[in-house]
Amino acid sequence: MPYQRSPVKAPRLSGVALKAMVHTLERGGVGPVLVEKLMRDSGIVSWRELSAGDAPPVQYPLPPGAPATETQTPLEQAARAVAASPGEPTRETVAAFAHAYREGGMDPVAVVRKVHASIERLDGGADRLGLFIARKPDEVLRAAEASAERLRAGRPLSVLEGVPVVLKDEVDLAGFPTTLGTTFRPQVVSTDSTVAARLKAAGALILGKANMNEIGINPIGLNPHHGAARNPWNRGHITGGSSSASGAVVAAGLCPLSIGADGGGSIRIPAALCGIVGLKATWGRIPETGVPPLCWNVAHVGPMGLTVDDVAAMYAILAGPDGHDVVARQQPPHHLSGYEDGALKGVRLGLCTPYFEDADPDVVARCKEAVRALTDAGATVVEIPPPDLNTILWTHSCIILSEMTEAMLPQLKESASVFGLDSRTNLALGRHFRATDFVHALRHRHRLTRELLSLMADVDVIVTPTTASTAPAIPEATLPDGESNLPVVDALMRFIRLANLTGCPALSVPAGFDRAGLPVGFHLMGRPYEEHLLLRLGRVVEHAAEHRTPALHVNALRPG
């Protein structure tokens, strides 16, 4: 089958035209007719007629994965990842924090004070970056004092002791509302999510809740209520979404780690556009307890960080079973087997050349350099068949939009006007999918998973760019509502949907820069529960790639 990608057929709309379209979509008479036309023009008819073979309408459990070859505890694994870091003094990695605290050059209290001052500068005034939805600086300072006391006593809780982190505002943190980037979820939660609890138990300092695309429904990352999250490399460009500010806070140097959530690339897209690392682990690998359900079948929560070593350390601490999460309840032990081994002889890279090259020239060039770094280390390239992008697009769109619409149905019944225009557009599409479409999508999800696992018997990872372009410019004239721009959405999501559909792990790692100085991301997708291999390969790419410092950046470890 030759590689094919149907062009997106949808007008670019903003302002009055976008409002008119949204109101039309939500009307009882003409709305469904317009929605059906939009979907038909985009290829849903051919998808509806596509046979799923004998695939059942359920998601079977993922294969069990190979048994762990190591018996290290999660904290030991995290320490191992940090110990492997070169500890570059000019980069605010977890290793750099550990070194500064150990040598006495800085302590958590001084770091938190500097970070709070930097947040006030970067996130205030007309030139704000739009980073935070909620913070409680006094509480963070008290946590920093307790952390500093543990360090002075020689009793750190883990390698993340005193390290600042940020949570996407899709993750419960006791004492804060989880707004999902909206204005209608003001209720304060009383219990930490599993992710937040595990970070606190490791001694990390949670700075607050990061800005995000409203309800996580768009990969561009703009928010009509809390402002546009802006890219530290160039504040006139997007960060990507929906974990928009979770990417920006790391790139800006405010923390080496953050938490994102990924239903359709929402960790990996902002990681790529912000020049950091993002891991979408295997479905259920990192528990979602305390993450409000938005898209059950494709959702993942996970780490974003400055370097692969940072992400590996956080992954080691966050992953593992949770009896409160039915998806995370049973899984093989997670590990970092072979993590430090940069010799890649025997590793097979699956690459479909026309698919890989269906991106901007600078993106393709940098990602080819990433492949070269892997082959120079001993890996081999295996040409693989092209993906069926139309099937992947509609299968993923049907599942995620149907589930997000169902999750938001109580609010939609009360009033759709509390949502931004881009959310209302997507939710109108979600309400239009039929029950038969959803069952059809679940069957194709299972078929695609089965076919991918069969393909990956012959390759170890599949490599592509993360996004087909670097960070697009923010359409300033369209703010605060933004615009409907499906070609941009397609460029951001082209390479990432399959990992969400199948639940396979995927990693975005920086691969250099385009000619405008914006970061390029390189994407690796692996077999279930083989995060350790993705991280191992990501380190090789990272060490070969060029590193720079964003235009808007602070060094939290530098005194003063």
Protein backbone atom coordinates (compact mmCIF):
# COMPACT_ATOMS: atom_id res chain seq x y z
CA MET A 1 0.00 0.00 0.00
CA PRO A 2 1.52 3.37 -0.98
CA TYR A 3 1.76 6.15 1.57
CA GLN A 4 -1.28 8.43 1.40
CA ARG A 5 -2.38 11.41 3.42
CA SER A 6 -5.58 13.16 2.48
CA PRO A 7 -5.36 16.95 2.74
CA VAL A 8 -7.48 18.48 5.48
CA LYS A 9 -10.57 20.11 3.98
CA ALA A 10 -11.73 22.72 6.43
CA PRO A 11 -11.72 26.53 6.37
CA ARG A 12 -9.50 28.51 8.72
CA LEU A 13 -11.90 30.51 10.88
CA SER A 14 -11.59 33.09 13.64
CA GLY A 15 -13.51 35.99 15.13
CA VAL A 16 -17.06 36.54 13.88
CA ALA A 17 -16.81 33.71 11.34
CA LEU A 18 -15.77 31.20 14.01
CA LYS A 19 -18.54 32.32 16.37
CA ALA A 20 -21.09 32.00 13.57
CA MET A 21 -19.90 28.49 12.74
CA VAL A 22 -20.03 27.40 16.39
CA HIS A 23 -23.56 28.74 16.83
CA THR A 24 -24.61 26.96 13.64
CA LEU A 25 -23.04 23.68 14.76
CA GLU A 26 -24.95 23.87 18.06
CA ARG A 27 -28.34 24.55 16.45
CA GLY A 28 -30.79 21.68 16.30
CA GLY A 29 -31.78 21.92 12.65
CA VAL A 30 -28.93 22.99 10.41
CA GLY A 31 -26.16 22.06 12.86
CA PRO A 32 -26.13 18.30 12.25
CA VAL A 33 -26.25 18.91 8.49
CA LEU A 34 -23.16 21.14 8.66
CA VAL A 35 -21.33 18.71 10.94
CA GLU A 36 -22.05 15.81 8.63
CA LYS A 37 -20.74 17.81 5.65
CA LEU A 38 -17.53 18.73 7.49
CA MET A 39 -16.98 15.12 8.52
CA ARG A 40 -17.85 13.76 5.08
CA ASP A 41 -15.42 16.18 3.41
CA SER A 42 -12.71 14.95 5.78
CA GLY A 43 -13.18 11.27 4.96
CA ILE A 44 -15.51 9.78 7.57
CA VAL A 45 -17.69 8.06 4.96
CA SER A 46 -14.85 5.90 3.70
CA TRP A 47 -13.85 5.17 7.30
CA ARG A 48 -17.38 4.09 8.19
CA GLU A 49 -17.30 1.63 5.29
CA LEU A 50 -13.87 0.22 6.15
CA SER A 51 -14.03 -3.33 7.50
CA ALA A 52 -12.46 -4.03 10.88
CA GLY A 53 -12.25 -7.73 10.07
CA ASP A 54 -12.88 -9.96 13.06
CA ALA A 55 -11.72 -7.41 15.64
CA PRO A 56 -14.10 -7.26 18.63
CA PRO A 57 -15.34 -3.94 20.04
CA VAL A 58 -13.18 -4.18 23.17
CA GLN A 59 -9.62 -3.36 24.12
CA TYR A 60 -7.95 -6.56 25.19
CA PRO A 61 -5.26 -6.19 27.84
CA LEU A 62 -1.89 -5.35 26.38
CA PRO A 63 0.62 -8.22 26.22
CA PRO A 64 2.37 -8.74 29.55
CA GLY A 65 5.83 -7.56 28.49
CA ALA A 66 9.16 -9.16 29.24
CA PRO A 67 9.97 -9.84 32.90
CA ALA A 68 12.21 -7.34 34.62
CA THR A 69 15.87 -8.31 34.74
CA GLU A 70 16.57 -6.07 37.73
CA THR A 71 15.26 -5.84 41.28
CA GLN A 72 16.01 -2.21 42.07
CA THR A 73 13.33 -0.24 43.87
CA PRO A 74 11.77 2.77 42.12
CA LEU A 75 13.85 5.15 44.26
CA GLU A 76 17.03 3.25 43.41
CA GLN A 77 16.16 3.38 39.73
CA ALA A 78 15.53 7.13 39.95
CA ALA A 79 18.89 7.62 41.67
CA ARG A 80 20.54 5.54 38.98
CA ALA A 81 19.10 7.71 36.20
CA VAL A 82 20.30 10.88 37.91
CA ALA A 83 23.73 9.39 38.56
CA ALA A 84 24.02 8.70 34.82
CA SER A 85 23.51 12.41 34.06
CA PRO A 86 26.59 14.40 33.07
CA GLY A 87 25.42 17.13 35.47
CA GLU A 88 26.12 20.05 33.15
CA PRO A 89 26.41 23.18 35.32
CA THR A 90 24.68 25.36 32.71
CA ARG A 91 21.52 23.21 32.66
CA GLU A 92 19.14 22.99 35.62
CA THR A 93 18.80 19.19 35.61
CA VAL A 94 17.80 17.07 38.58
CA ALA A 95 21.48 16.10 38.83
CA ALA A 96 22.44 19.78 39.00
CA PHE A 97 19.96 20.36 41.83
CA ALA A 98 21.28 17.32 43.72
CA HIS A 99 24.86 18.53 43.28
CA ALA A 100 24.06 22.10 44.38
CA TYR A 101 22.27 20.87 47.50
CA ARG A 102 25.00 18.38 48.34
CA GLU A 103 27.81 20.91 47.91
CA GLY A 104 25.92 23.62 49.79
CA GLY A 105 25.85 26.12 46.96
CA MET A 106 22.07 26.43 47.17
CA ASP A 107 19.24 25.02 49.25
CA PRO A 108 15.54 24.44 48.47
CA VAL A 109 14.46 27.60 50.27
CA ALA A 110 16.76 29.82 48.19
CA VAL A 111 15.67 28.01 45.03
CA VAL A 112 11.98 28.45 45.77
CA ARG A 113 12.42 32.14 46.54
CA LYS A 114 14.26 32.70 43.29
CA VAL A 115 11.72 30.67 41.31
CA HIS A 116 8.79 32.60 42.81
CA ALA A 117 10.46 35.90 41.89
CA SER A 118 11.11 34.61 38.38
CA ILE A 119 7.50 33.49 37.99
CA GLU A 120 6.31 36.96 38.98
CA ARG A 121 8.56 38.42 36.28
CA LEU A 122 7.81 35.91 33.51
CA ASP A 123 4.12 35.47 34.26
CA GLY A 124 3.13 39.05 35.01
CA GLY A 125 2.43 42.16 32.98
CA ALA A 126 1.71 42.60 29.30
CA ASP A 127 4.49 40.23 28.26
CA ARG A 128 3.42 37.33 30.48
CA LEU A 129 4.03 33.78 29.31
CA GLY A 130 0.70 32.48 30.63
CA LEU A 131 2.29 29.72 32.70
CA PHE A 132 0.18 29.20 35.84
CA ILE A 133 -3.49 28.84 36.68
CA ALA A 134 -2.96 28.53 40.45
CA ARG A 135 -0.07 28.82 42.95
CA LYS A 136 0.34 28.99 46.74
CA PRO A 137 3.86 30.37 47.25
CA ASP A 138 3.70 30.33 51.07
CA GLU A 139 2.86 26.61 51.12
CA VAL A 140 5.69 25.83 48.73
CA LEU A 141 8.10 27.82 50.89
CA ARG A 142 7.08 25.79 53.95
CA ALA A 143 7.62 22.57 52.03
CA ALA A 144 11.04 23.88 50.93
CA GLU A 145 12.00 24.57 54.55
CA ALA A 146 11.12 21.01 55.51
CA SER A 147 13.09 19.72 52.52
CA ALA A 148 16.11 21.82 53.45
CA GLU A 149 16.00 20.40 56.98
CA ARG A 150 15.98 16.83 55.65
CA LEU A 151 18.94 17.62 53.42
CA ARG A 152 20.88 19.18 56.29
CA ALA A 153 20.19 16.07 58.36
CA GLY A 154 21.38 13.82 55.54
CA ARG A 155 17.95 12.23 55.17
CA PRO A 156 16.69 13.14 51.67
CA LEU A 157 13.57 11.26 50.62
CA SER A 158 14.89 10.63 47.10
CA VAL A 159 16.94 12.24 44.33
CA LEU A 160 13.94 14.55 43.79
CA GLU A 161 14.36 16.02 47.29
CA GLY A 162 13.93 19.79 47.02
CA VAL A 163 13.46 19.69 43.23
CA PRO A 164 10.68 21.98 41.97
CA VAL A 165 8.01 20.44 39.74
CA VAL A 166 4.74 21.66 38.23
CA LEU A 167 1.45 19.81 37.58
CA LYS A 168 -0.83 20.29 34.61
CA ASP A 169 -4.16 21.57 35.88
CA GLU A 170 -5.66 18.21 34.96
CA VAL A 171 -4.08 16.49 37.96
CA ASP A 172 -5.51 16.73 41.48
CA LEU A 173 -3.43 18.49 44.11
CA ALA A 174 -4.93 18.74 47.60
CA GLY A 175 -5.98 22.28 48.46
CA PHE A 176 -6.33 23.35 44.80
CA PRO A 177 -9.19 23.15 42.33
CA THR A 178 -8.61 21.03 39.25
CA THR A 179 -10.16 23.35 36.68
CA LEU A 180 -9.09 21.58 33.47
CA GLY A 181 -8.42 25.08 32.19
CA THR A 182 -12.09 26.07 32.56
CA THR A 183 -13.98 28.58 34.67
CA PHE A 184 -16.76 26.25 35.85
CA ARG A 185 -14.76 23.81 38.05
CA PRO A 186 -13.90 25.95 41.12
CA GLN A 187 -14.25 23.19 43.72
CA VAL A 188 -11.10 22.60 45.76
CA VAL A 189 -10.07 18.94 45.97
CA SER A 190 -9.05 17.46 49.30
CA THR A 191 -7.01 14.49 48.14
CA ASP A 192 -3.82 14.25 46.10
CA SER A 193 -3.75 12.30 42.88
CA THR A 194 -1.48 9.26 42.95
CA VAL A 195 1.03 11.21 40.86
CA ALA A 196 1.06 14.16 43.27
CA ALA A 197 1.26 11.85 46.30
CA ARG A 198 4.23 9.96 44.86
CA LEU A 199 6.03 13.21 44.07
CA LYS A 200 5.47 14.56 47.56
CA ALA A 201 6.67 11.28 49.07
CA ALA A 202 9.85 11.70 47.02
CA GLY A 203 10.45 15.20 48.44
CA ALA A 204 9.63 17.13 45.26
CA LEU A 205 8.30 20.67 45.67
CA ILE A 206 5.11 21.21 43.67
CA LEU A 207 5.06 24.85 42.56
CA GLY A 208 1.45 24.92 41.36
CA LYS A 209 -0.96 24.13 38.54
CA ALA A 210 0.09 24.86 34.96
CA ASN A 211 -2.03 26.50 32.29
CA MET A 212 -3.47 24.14 29.67
CA ASN A 213 -5.73 24.08 26.66
CA GLU A 214 -9.32 24.12 27.93
CA ILE A 215 -10.33 20.51 28.83
CA GLY A 216 -7.29 19.34 26.86
CA ILE A 217 -9.25 19.17 23.62
CA ASN A 218 -6.84 20.94 21.28
CA PRO A 219 -3.10 20.45 20.60
CA ILE A 220 -2.42 24.13 19.92
CA GLY A 221 -2.43 25.13 23.60
CA LEU A 222 -4.30 28.43 23.72
CA ASN A 223 -6.76 29.14 26.54
CA PRO A 224 -9.50 31.79 26.30
CA HIS A 225 -9.86 32.09 30.10
CA HIS A 226 -6.28 32.04 31.38
CA GLY A 227 -4.44 33.47 28.38
CA ALA A 228 -2.23 31.98 25.73
CA ALA A 229 0.66 29.88 26.99
CA ARG A 230 3.69 31.29 25.18
CA ASN A 231 6.87 29.59 24.07
CA PRO A 232 10.07 30.64 25.92
CA TRP A 233 12.02 30.21 22.67
CA ASN A 234 9.86 32.91 21.07
CA ARG A 235 6.85 34.24 22.95
CA GLY A 236 5.10 34.93 19.65
CA HIS A 237 4.78 31.18 19.08
CA ILE A 238 2.64 28.47 20.66
CA THR A 239 3.88 25.89 23.12
CA GLY A 240 1.64 23.16 21.76
CA GLY A 241 -0.97 21.46 23.87
CA SER A 242 -2.79 20.49 25.65
CA SER A 243 -0.08 20.35 28.36
CA SER A 244 0.97 23.76 27.10
CA ALA A 245 2.51 25.46 30.13
CA SER A 246 3.83 22.14 31.47
CA GLY A 247 6.26 22.33 28.56
CA ALA A 248 6.97 26.04 28.90
CA VAL A 249 7.84 26.02 32.63
CA VAL A 250 10.58 23.44 32.04
CA ALA A 251 11.97 25.21 28.97
CA ALA A 252 11.99 28.51 30.89
CA GLY A 253 14.16 26.99 33.65
CA LEU A 254 11.59 27.28 36.45
CA CYS A 255 11.79 23.54 37.14
CA PRO A 256 13.48 20.52 35.56
CA LEU A 257 10.31 18.42 35.62
CA SER A 258 6.57 18.75 35.13
CA ILE A 259 3.53 16.55 34.74
CA GLY A 260 1.46 16.47 31.56
CA ALA A 261 -1.43 14.38 30.30
CA ASP A 262 -1.62 12.86 26.82
CA GLY A 263 -4.81 11.73 25.08
CA GLY A 264 -3.61 12.72 21.63
CA GLY A 265 -0.01 13.86 21.90
CA SER A 266 -0.58 16.34 24.70
CA ILE A 267 2.71 15.47 26.44
CA ARG A 268 4.80 14.90 23.35
CA ILE A 269 3.65 17.86 21.24
CA PRO A 270 4.53 20.58 23.79
CA ALA A 271 7.72 18.71 24.63
CA ALA A 272 8.76 18.88 20.98
CA LEU A 273 7.78 22.52 20.46
CA CYS A 274 9.43 23.64 23.72
CA GLY A 275 12.67 21.69 23.21
CA ILE A 276 12.30 19.32 26.17
CA VAL A 277 11.66 15.59 26.70
CA GLY A 278 8.19 14.06 27.06
CA LEU A 279 7.25 10.45 27.82
CA LYS A 280 3.84 8.92 27.21
CA ALA A 281 4.28 5.63 28.97
CA THR A 282 2.32 2.45 28.24
CA TRP A 283 -1.43 2.80 28.84
CA GLY A 284 -1.96 2.36 32.58
CA ARG A 285 1.76 2.31 33.40
CA ILE A 286 1.46 5.55 35.42
CA PRO A 287 -1.78 5.61 37.45
CA GLU A 288 -4.51 8.12 36.63
CA THR A 289 -6.13 8.07 40.08
CA GLY A 290 -6.98 11.69 40.82
CA VAL A 291 -6.93 12.72 37.16
CA PRO A 292 -10.52 13.62 36.16
CA PRO A 293 -11.66 11.25 33.42
CA LEU A 294 -11.80 12.90 30.01
CA CYS A 295 -10.90 10.20 27.49
CA TRP A 296 -10.67 6.83 29.22
CA ASN A 297 -9.48 4.71 26.30
CA VAL A 298 -6.59 6.89 25.12
CA ALA A 299 -5.56 8.91 28.20
CA HIS A 300 -2.12 8.86 29.80
CA VAL A 301 -0.47 11.00 32.48
CA GLY A 302 3.29 11.30 32.51
CA PRO A 303 6.58 13.15 32.91
CA MET A 304 8.02 16.06 30.96
CA GLY A 305 11.57 17.13 31.70
CA LEU A 306 14.66 19.00 30.67
CA THR A 307 16.63 15.85 29.84
CA VAL A 308 16.06 12.15 29.30
CA ASP A 309 17.79 11.42 32.62
CA ASP A 310 15.34 13.73 34.39
CA VAL A 311 12.34 12.05 32.76
CA ALA A 312 13.74 8.59 33.52
CA ALA A 313 14.07 9.51 37.20
CA MET A 314 10.52 10.80 37.40
CA TYR A 315 9.18 7.80 35.46
CA ALA A 316 10.86 5.45 37.94
CA ILE A 317 9.06 7.16 40.82
CA LEU A 318 5.64 7.58 39.18
CA ALA A 319 5.14 4.25 37.42
CA GLY A 320 3.79 1.14 39.08
CA PRO A 321 0.51 -0.46 40.13
CA ASP A 322 -2.28 1.40 41.88
CA GLY A 323 -5.22 -0.52 43.29
CA HIS A 324 -7.51 2.49 42.80
CA ASP A 325 -6.96 2.58 39.02
CA VAL A 326 -8.43 -0.41 37.20
CA VAL A 327 -6.13 0.10 34.20
CA ALA A 328 -2.98 0.44 36.35
CA ARG A 329 -3.86 -2.36 38.74
CA GLN A 330 -1.91 -5.11 36.98
CA GLN A 331 1.35 -4.52 35.12
CA PRO A 332 4.85 -5.99 34.99
CA PRO A 333 7.51 -4.30 37.14
CA HIS A 334 8.98 -1.20 35.53
CA HIS A 335 12.74 -0.94 35.22
CA LEU A 336 15.62 0.82 33.47
CA SER A 337 17.41 -2.27 32.18
CA GLY A 338 20.33 -1.32 29.92
CA TYR A 339 19.53 2.37 30.34
CA GLU A 340 23.13 3.64 30.36
CA ASP A 341 24.24 1.39 27.46
CA GLY A 342 24.84 3.61 24.44
CA ALA A 343 25.94 0.70 22.24
CA LEU A 344 22.88 -0.12 20.15
CA LYS A 345 24.01 -3.12 18.13
CA GLY A 346 21.01 -5.34 17.48
CA VAL A 347 18.41 -2.55 17.94
CA ARG A 348 16.12 -2.31 14.91
CA LEU A 349 14.55 1.03 13.97
CA GLY A 350 11.30 0.83 12.00
CA LEU A 351 11.11 3.70 9.52
CA CYS A 352 8.65 4.39 6.69
CA THR A 353 10.52 6.85 4.49
CA PRO A 354 7.58 8.72 2.85
CA TYR A 355 5.82 9.02 6.22
CA PHE A 356 9.00 10.14 7.99
CA GLU A 357 9.62 12.79 5.32
CA ASP A 358 6.06 14.17 5.36
CA ALA A 359 7.14 17.16 7.42
CA ASP A 360 8.85 20.53 7.00
CA PRO A 361 12.37 20.26 5.51
CA ASP A 362 14.17 21.46 8.65
CA VAL A 363 12.23 18.98 10.79
CA VAL A 364 13.09 16.12 8.44
CA ALA A 365 16.76 17.13 8.35
CA ARG A 366 17.12 17.23 12.14
CA CYS A 367 15.26 13.94 12.57
CA LYS A 368 17.47 12.26 9.96
CA GLU A 369 20.44 13.41 12.04
CA ALA A 370 18.80 11.75 15.06
CA VAL A 371 18.47 8.49 13.11
CA ARG A 372 22.11 8.82 12.10
CA ALA A 373 23.10 9.17 15.75
CA LEU A 374 21.30 5.91 16.50
CA THR A 375 22.82 4.05 13.56
CA ASP A 376 26.27 5.40 14.41
CA ALA A 377 25.74 3.77 17.81
CA GLY A 378 25.01 0.44 16.13
CA ALA A 379 21.26 0.42 15.42
CA THR A 380 19.96 -0.67 12.02
CA VAL A 381 17.09 0.78 9.99
CA VAL A 382 14.29 -1.46 8.74
CA GLU A 383 11.88 -0.02 6.16
CA ILE A 384 8.29 -0.62 7.29
CA PRO A 385 4.90 -0.25 5.55
CA PRO A 386 3.11 3.09 5.68
CA PRO A 387 0.36 3.65 8.24
CA ASP A 388 -3.26 4.05 7.21
CA LEU A 389 -3.53 7.65 8.33
CA ASN A 390 -7.19 8.11 7.45
CA THR A 391 -8.19 5.11 9.57
CA ILE A 392 -5.96 6.23 12.44
CA LEU A 393 -7.31 9.79 12.26
CA TRP A 394 -10.98 8.89 12.38
CA THR A 395 -10.59 6.04 14.84
CA HIS A 396 -8.74 8.30 17.28
CA SER A 397 -11.03 11.30 16.65
CA CYS A 398 -14.18 9.27 17.21
CA ILE A 399 -12.95 7.77 20.48
CA ILE A 400 -11.43 10.87 22.04
CA LEU A 401 -14.13 13.34 21.00
CA SER A 402 -16.97 10.97 21.93
CA GLU A 403 -15.47 10.34 25.36
CA MET A 404 -14.62 13.99 26.05
CA THR A 405 -18.12 15.02 25.01
CA GLU A 406 -19.64 12.44 27.35
CA ALA A 407 -17.37 13.65 30.17
CA MET A 408 -18.54 17.24 29.60
CA LEU A 409 -22.21 16.36 28.96
CA PRO A 410 -23.56 17.68 32.29
CA GLN A 411 -22.03 21.08 31.64
CA LEU A 412 -23.07 21.06 27.98
CA LYS A 413 -26.67 20.41 29.00
CA GLU A 414 -26.53 23.36 31.38
CA SER A 415 -24.80 25.80 29.01
CA ALA A 416 -22.25 25.34 26.25
CA SER A 417 -21.40 29.05 26.35
CA VAL A 418 -18.99 28.58 29.28
CA PHE A 419 -16.59 26.79 26.93
CA GLY A 420 -14.25 28.55 24.51
CA LEU A 421 -15.02 28.46 20.82
CA ASP A 422 -12.47 25.81 19.90
CA SER A 423 -13.79 23.50 22.62
CA ARG A 424 -17.37 24.08 21.50
CA THR A 425 -16.42 23.21 17.94
CA ASN A 426 -14.85 19.91 18.95
CA LEU A 427 -17.63 19.06 21.38
CA ALA A 428 -20.22 19.66 18.64
CA LEU A 429 -18.35 17.16 16.48
CA GLY A 430 -18.21 14.74 19.40
CA ARG A 431 -21.98 14.91 19.89
CA HIS A 432 -22.47 14.04 16.24
CA PHE A 433 -20.72 10.66 16.33
CA ARG A 434 -23.13 7.73 16.35
CA ALA A 435 -23.11 4.76 18.72
CA THR A 436 -22.24 2.64 15.69
CA ASP A 437 -19.28 4.94 14.98
CA PHE A 438 -17.94 4.42 18.50
CA VAL A 439 -18.23 0.63 18.31
CA HIS A 440 -16.63 0.76 14.86
CA ALA A 441 -13.77 2.84 16.31
CA LEU A 442 -13.20 0.41 19.18
CA ARG A 443 -13.00 -2.48 16.72
CA HIS A 444 -10.47 -0.60 14.59
CA ARG A 445 -8.53 0.30 17.72
CA HIS A 446 -8.15 -3.36 18.49
CA ARG A 447 -7.26 -4.19 14.88
CA LEU A 448 -4.65 -1.43 14.72
CA THR A 449 -3.15 -2.58 18.03
CA ARG A 450 -2.93 -6.15 16.83
CA GLU A 451 -1.32 -5.11 13.54
CA LEU A 452 1.18 -2.81 15.26
CA LEU A 453 2.25 -5.51 17.72
CA SER A 454 2.71 -7.90 14.79
CA LEU A 455 4.84 -5.33 12.98
CA MET A 456 6.93 -4.75 16.09
CA ALA A 457 7.94 -8.38 16.18
CA ASP A 458 10.40 -7.34 13.46
CA VAL A 459 11.45 -3.92 14.81
CA ASP A 460 12.15 -2.64 18.30
CA VAL A 461 10.98 0.95 17.88
CA ILE A 462 9.29 3.06 15.21
CA VAL A 463 10.89 6.45 14.54
CA THR A 464 9.36 9.62 13.07
CA PRO A 465 9.42 13.34 13.76
CA THR A 466 7.21 14.24 16.73
CA THR A 467 5.46 17.04 14.87
CA ALA A 468 5.52 17.91 11.18
CA SER A 469 6.42 21.54 11.93
CA THR A 470 8.09 23.53 14.65
CA ALA A 471 5.98 25.83 16.84
CA PRO A 472 3.53 27.85 14.72
CA ALA A 473 3.06 31.54 15.41
CA ILE A 474 0.28 32.57 17.78
CA PRO A 475 -2.53 34.21 15.79
CA GLU A 476 -2.46 37.34 17.97
CA ALA A 477 -5.38 39.01 16.18
CA THR A 478 -7.65 36.08 17.05
CA LEU A 479 -7.03 36.12 20.83
CA PRO A 480 -8.48 35.38 23.30
CA ASP A 481 -10.72 32.93 21.43
CA GLY A 482 -8.12 31.67 18.96
CA GLU A 483 -9.05 30.06 15.67
CA SER A 484 -10.11 26.84 14.01
CA ASN A 485 -7.12 25.74 11.94
CA LEU A 486 -7.26 22.04 11.16
CA PRO A 487 -4.17 21.98 8.89
CA VAL A 488 -2.08 23.14 11.88
CA VAL A 489 -3.74 20.54 14.10
CA ASP A 490 -2.94 17.86 11.52
CA ALA A 491 0.71 18.94 11.35
CA LEU A 492 0.99 18.69 15.12
CA MET A 493 -0.79 15.32 15.46
CA ARG A 494 0.23 13.44 12.30
CA PHE A 495 2.85 11.23 13.91
CA ILE A 496 1.47 10.71 17.41
CA ARG A 497 -2.11 9.37 17.32
CA LEU A 498 -1.23 5.69 16.89
CA ALA A 499 0.57 5.52 20.25
CA ASN A 500 -2.55 6.77 22.03
CA LEU A 501 -4.84 4.38 20.16
CA THR A 502 -2.73 1.31 20.86
CA GLY A 503 -1.45 2.27 24.31
CA CYS A 504 2.16 1.73 23.25
CA PRO A 505 4.80 3.92 24.93
CA ALA A 506 6.29 6.85 23.04
CA LEU A 507 9.00 9.41 23.72
CA SER A 508 9.73 12.83 22.25
CA VAL A 509 13.31 14.00 22.56
CA PRO A 510 14.96 17.22 21.27
CA ALA A 511 16.75 16.80 17.95
CA GLY A 512 18.04 20.32 17.28
CA PHE A 513 16.54 23.45 15.75
CA ASP A 514 15.06 24.83 12.56
CA ARG A 515 16.54 27.83 10.78
CA ALA A 516 14.40 30.18 12.90
CA GLY A 517 15.89 28.74 16.09
CA LEU A 518 12.77 26.82 17.15
CA PRO A 519 13.15 23.31 18.59
CA VAL A 520 12.56 20.11 16.62
CA GLY A 521 11.30 16.94 18.31
CA PHE A 522 12.17 13.33 17.42
CA HIS A 523 9.66 10.59 18.21
CA LEU A 524 10.23 6.97 19.23
CA MET A 525 7.38 4.51 19.76
CA GLY A 526 8.01 1.11 21.33
CA ARG A 527 6.38 -2.09 22.47
CA PRO A 528 4.20 -2.15 25.60
CA TYR A 529 6.16 -1.80 28.86
CA GLU A 530 9.48 -1.13 27.07
CA GLU A 531 9.91 2.46 28.25
CA HIS A 532 13.46 1.58 29.31
CA LEU A 533 14.44 1.01 25.66
CA LEU A 534 12.89 4.28 24.49
CA LEU A 535 14.73 6.17 27.22
CA ARG A 536 17.98 4.40 26.37
CA LEU A 537 17.70 5.42 22.71
CA GLY A 538 16.52 8.90 23.66
CA ARG A 539 19.75 9.46 25.60
CA VAL A 540 21.79 8.68 22.48
CA VAL A 541 19.79 11.16 20.39
CA GLU A 542 19.93 13.80 23.11
CA HIS A 543 23.70 13.59 23.52
CA ALA A 544 24.21 13.96 19.75
CA ALA A 545 21.84 16.92 19.31
CA GLU A 546 22.69 20.60 19.61
CA HIS A 547 21.60 22.31 22.84
CA ARG A 548 20.78 25.99 23.27
CA THR A 549 19.14 28.19 25.90
CA PRO A 550 15.72 29.76 25.25
CA ALA A 551 15.39 33.52 24.90
CA LEU A 552 13.23 33.66 28.05
CA HIS A 553 15.03 31.62 30.67
CA VAL A 554 16.15 31.71 34.29
CA ASN A 555 18.69 29.57 36.10
CA ALA A 556 17.06 28.62 39.38
CA LEU A 557 20.40 27.37 40.76
CA ARG A 558 22.35 30.55 40.18
CA PRO A 559 22.52 32.68 43.35
CA GLY A 560 21.06 36.13 43.19
